[in-house]
Protein backbone atom coordinates (compact mmCIF):
# COMPACT_ATOMS: atom_id res chain seq x y z
CA UNK A 1 -33.00 -11.45 -8.70
CA UNK A 2 -33.09 -12.74 -12.45
CA UNK A 3 -32.99 -9.31 -13.73
CA UNK A 4 -29.86 -7.73 -11.28
CA UNK A 5 -27.72 -10.54 -12.42
CA UNK A 6 -27.15 -10.18 -16.20
CA UNK A 7 -26.98 -6.05 -15.28
CA UNK A 8 -23.98 -7.22 -12.30
CA UNK A 9 -22.37 -9.32 -14.85
CA UNK A 10 -22.61 -6.27 -17.54
CA UNK A 11 -20.33 -4.33 -14.83
CA UNK A 12 -18.43 -7.44 -13.98
CA UNK A 13 -16.93 -7.95 -17.42
CA UNK A 14 -15.92 -4.40 -18.21
CA UNK A 15 -13.89 -4.19 -15.12
CA UNK A 16 -12.29 -7.57 -15.77
CA UNK A 17 -11.30 -6.27 -19.17
CA UNK A 18 -9.80 -3.21 -17.93
CA UNK A 19 -7.75 -5.16 -15.24
CA UNK A 20 -6.69 -7.99 -17.68
CA UNK A 21 -5.44 -5.34 -20.59
CA UNK A 22 -3.51 -3.16 -17.84
CA UNK A 23 -1.68 -6.26 -16.58
CA UNK A 24 -1.06 -7.30 -19.57
CA UNK A 25 0.56 -3.58 -20.82
CA UNK A 26 2.48 -3.31 -17.59
CA UNK A 27 4.44 -6.59 -18.03
CA UNK A 28 4.83 -5.90 -21.80
CA UNK A 29 5.99 -2.15 -20.88
CA UNK A 30 8.54 -3.91 -18.44
CA UNK A 31 10.05 -6.18 -21.38
CA UNK A 32 10.37 -3.10 -23.68
CA UNK A 33 13.16 0.11 -23.04
CA UNK A 34 11.25 3.47 -22.85
CA UNK A 35 11.15 5.52 -25.84
CA UNK A 36 12.26 8.61 -23.97
CA UNK A 37 15.21 6.99 -21.64
CA UNK A 38 18.85 6.79 -22.80
CA UNK A 39 20.52 4.09 -23.92
CA UNK A 40 24.26 2.96 -23.32
CA UNK A 41 25.23 5.48 -25.88
CA UNK A 42 23.34 8.07 -24.92
CA UNK A 43 20.65 8.45 -27.53
CA UNK A 44 17.01 7.88 -26.85
CA UNK A 45 14.91 5.82 -28.54
CA UNK A 46 12.81 8.42 -30.82
CA UNK A 47 16.32 9.89 -32.40
CA UNK A 48 17.31 6.55 -33.10
CA UNK A 49 14.05 6.03 -35.17
CA UNK A 50 14.43 9.62 -36.57
CA UNK A 51 18.06 8.62 -37.74
CA UNK A 52 17.07 5.45 -39.44
CA UNK A 53 14.22 7.23 -41.33
CA UNK A 54 16.80 9.63 -42.25
CA UNK A 55 18.95 7.46 -43.34
CA UNK A 56 16.74 5.48 -45.52
CA UNK A 57 15.14 8.49 -47.20
CA UNK A 58 18.83 9.81 -47.85
CA UNK A 59 19.66 6.25 -49.30
CA UNK A 60 15.93 6.34 -51.33
CA UNK A 61 16.71 9.61 -52.60
CA UNK A 62 20.21 8.84 -53.68
CA UNK A 63 19.34 5.54 -55.52
CA UNK A 64 16.55 7.70 -57.64
CA UNK A 65 18.63 10.81 -58.53
CA UNK A 66 20.37 9.82 -61.34
CA UNK A 67 17.20 8.82 -63.18
CA UNK A 68 15.47 11.95 -62.70
CA UNK A 69 17.86 13.76 -63.29
CA UNK A 70 18.44 12.28 -66.87
CA UNK A 71 14.40 12.23 -67.28
CA UNK A 72 14.58 15.95 -65.83
CA UNK A 73 17.86 16.60 -68.62
CA UNK A 74 16.32 14.83 -71.73
CA UNK A 75 12.81 16.33 -71.35
CA UNK A 76 14.40 19.67 -71.57
CA UNK A 77 16.43 19.36 -73.84
CA UNK A 78 13.68 17.93 -76.31
CA UNK A 79 11.95 21.42 -75.33
CA UNK A 80 14.83 23.39 -76.33
CA UNK A 81 15.20 21.45 -79.73
CA UNK A 82 11.37 22.35 -79.93
CA UNK A 83 12.78 25.57 -79.63
CA UNK A 84 15.11 25.54 -82.20
CA UNK A 85 12.68 24.03 -84.32
CA UNK A 86 10.09 26.71 -84.17
CA UNK A 87 12.90 29.62 -84.45
CA UNK A 88 13.87 28.51 -87.40
CA UNK A 89 9.94 27.75 -88.75
CA UNK A 90 9.74 31.52 -87.34
CA UNK A 91 12.71 32.74 -89.41
CA UNK A 92 11.11 31.62 -92.31
CA UNK A 93 7.85 32.19 -92.52
CA UNK A 94 8.06 35.60 -90.69
CA UNK A 95 6.14 35.13 -87.85
CA UNK A 96 6.43 37.04 -84.82
CA UNK A 97 4.56 35.04 -82.05
CA UNK A 98 6.16 32.04 -83.06
CA UNK A 99 9.42 33.82 -83.07
CA UNK A 100 8.86 35.14 -79.64
CA UNK A 101 7.70 31.91 -78.00
CA UNK A 102 10.68 30.40 -79.60
CA UNK A 103 13.18 32.87 -77.84
CA UNK A 104 11.58 32.20 -74.31
CA UNK A 105 12.01 29.14 -74.06
CA UNK A 106 15.34 29.08 -75.37
CA UNK A 107 16.76 31.95 -73.26
CA UNK A 108 14.42 30.14 -70.16
CA UNK A 109 15.69 26.63 -70.97
CA UNK A 110 19.24 27.73 -69.77
CA UNK A 111 18.58 30.06 -67.42
CA UNK A 112 16.21 27.48 -65.33
CA UNK A 113 18.92 24.44 -65.38
CA UNK A 114 21.50 26.91 -64.22
CA UNK A 115 19.16 27.56 -61.49
CA UNK A 116 17.95 24.63 -60.44
CA UNK A 117 21.86 23.32 -60.75
CA UNK A 118 23.03 26.36 -58.39
CA UNK A 119 19.94 25.75 -55.84
CA UNK A 120 20.64 21.91 -55.27
CA UNK A 121 24.93 22.87 -54.98
CA UNK A 122 24.09 25.51 -52.72
CA UNK A 123 21.38 23.78 -50.40
CA UNK A 124 23.41 20.58 -50.09
CA UNK A 125 26.86 22.02 -49.62
CA UNK A 126 26.60 25.06 -47.22
CA UNK A 127 25.44 25.77 -43.44
CA UNK A 128 24.04 28.36 -42.03
CA UNK A 129 26.96 30.51 -41.71
CA UNK A 130 27.59 30.19 -45.38
CA UNK A 131 24.03 31.25 -46.20
CA UNK A 132 25.03 34.26 -44.87
CA UNK A 133 28.08 35.01 -46.20
CA UNK A 134 26.72 34.08 -49.24
CA UNK A 135 23.38 36.68 -48.70
CA UNK A 136 26.29 39.43 -47.81
CA UNK A 137 28.14 38.80 -50.86
CA UNK A 138 25.44 39.19 -52.88
CA UNK A 139 24.52 42.45 -51.57
CA UNK A 140 27.92 43.40 -51.87
CA UNK A 141 28.02 42.11 -56.01
CA UNK A 142 24.78 44.27 -56.64
CA UNK A 143 25.82 47.29 -54.91
CA UNK A 144 29.28 47.38 -57.11
CA UNK A 145 27.22 46.26 -60.16
CA UNK A 146 25.30 49.38 -59.68
CA UNK A 147 27.93 51.54 -58.96
CA UNK A 148 29.98 50.36 -62.01
CA UNK A 149 26.41 50.57 -64.11
CA UNK A 150 26.51 53.88 -63.05
CA UNK A 151 29.78 55.38 -64.18
CA UNK A 152 28.96 53.45 -67.42
CA UNK A 153 25.75 56.34 -67.63
CA UNK A 154 28.02 58.86 -66.91
CA UNK A 155 30.47 57.66 -69.75
CA UNK A 156 27.61 57.45 -72.21
CA UNK A 157 26.05 60.27 -71.31
CA UNK A 158 29.76 62.34 -71.81
CA UNK A 159 29.58 60.85 -75.41
CA UNK A 160 26.25 61.91 -76.23
CA UNK A 161 26.77 65.20 -74.89
CA UNK A 162 30.09 65.04 -77.46
CA UNK A 163 27.48 63.60 -80.09
CA UNK A 164 25.43 67.21 -79.27
CA UNK A 165 28.55 69.49 -79.49
CA UNK A 166 29.37 68.16 -82.75
CA UNK A 167 25.76 67.48 -84.01
CA UNK A 168 23.74 69.99 -82.46
CA UNK A 169 21.19 67.80 -82.19
CA UNK A 170 19.01 68.38 -78.94
CA UNK A 171 18.02 64.84 -78.65
CA UNK A 172 21.46 64.05 -77.57
CA UNK A 173 21.24 66.48 -74.96
CA UNK A 174 18.54 65.66 -73.31
CA UNK A 175 19.53 62.05 -73.50
CA UNK A 176 22.98 62.68 -71.89
CA UNK A 177 20.69 64.67 -69.13
CA UNK A 178 18.87 61.92 -68.45
CA UNK A 179 21.98 59.57 -68.11
CA UNK A 180 23.41 61.78 -65.58
CA UNK A 181 20.35 61.70 -63.63
CA UNK A 182 20.12 58.09 -63.79
CA UNK A 183 23.80 57.56 -62.68
CA UNK A 184 23.30 59.93 -59.59
CA UNK A 185 19.72 58.24 -58.87
CA UNK A 186 21.28 54.86 -59.40
CA UNK A 187 24.95 55.16 -57.47
CA UNK A 188 22.72 57.03 -54.54
CA UNK A 189 20.48 54.12 -53.93
CA UNK A 190 22.76 51.74 -54.55
CA UNK A 191 25.22 52.97 -52.31
CA UNK A 192 22.72 54.37 -49.37
CA UNK A 193 20.00 51.99 -49.36
CA UNK A 194 21.79 48.88 -47.96
CA UNK A 195 23.03 50.87 -44.95
CA UNK A 196 19.48 52.13 -44.16
CA UNK A 197 17.72 49.28 -45.24
CA UNK A 198 20.01 47.13 -42.57
CA UNK A 199 20.32 49.13 -39.92
CA UNK A 200 16.29 49.63 -39.01
C-alpha cells in the first residue's frame, strides 16, 4: 500500500498542473484581444503589429541612409582618385596592365554610381504599372537604337563602297558587304524578334 501512494501522487500532480495552467491561460486569453479579430477600425492585431514593424524599419533606414550614402560615395571617390593616380603612373611608365586596370576603374565607378542611383530611384518611385511601362519603353528604345544603328551601318557601307570606287581597294568592298549584311540582320532581328518572343 505504501508503494502505491507515490504512484498515485505522480499521476495527480501532472493532472493538477495541466488543470491550473489551462485555467490561467483561459482567463488571460479572456482579458486579451484575440489576434485574428478585427478591432473598431477594421484592422486585425497582426496587421497593426506588422505595420508598426514596417514603420520602425523605415524610420531606421531613413535615419541611417545619409550616413551610408556619405560613406559609400566617399569610398567610391577614393577609388576613383586612386584610379586617376594609377593612370598617371601607367602613362608615365608605359605599363599596360596598370593602365588597363585604372581605365576599368575610371569607367566602372561612374557606371556603378549611376546604376545604383537609378536603382534606388526606380525601386522607391515606381509601382507595378510603372514597371511594366518602363520595361516596354526600354524595349522600344532598344528597337529604335537597333534600327538607327543599322541605318548608320548602311551609310558607312556606302562610304566604303565609294572608297572602293575611288581607290580600287578590295578590302573596302569586303567591309561594305559585311556592313550591308550586318545592317540587314540587325534590322530584321530588332524589328521581328520582340514581336515573336512576346507572342510565344
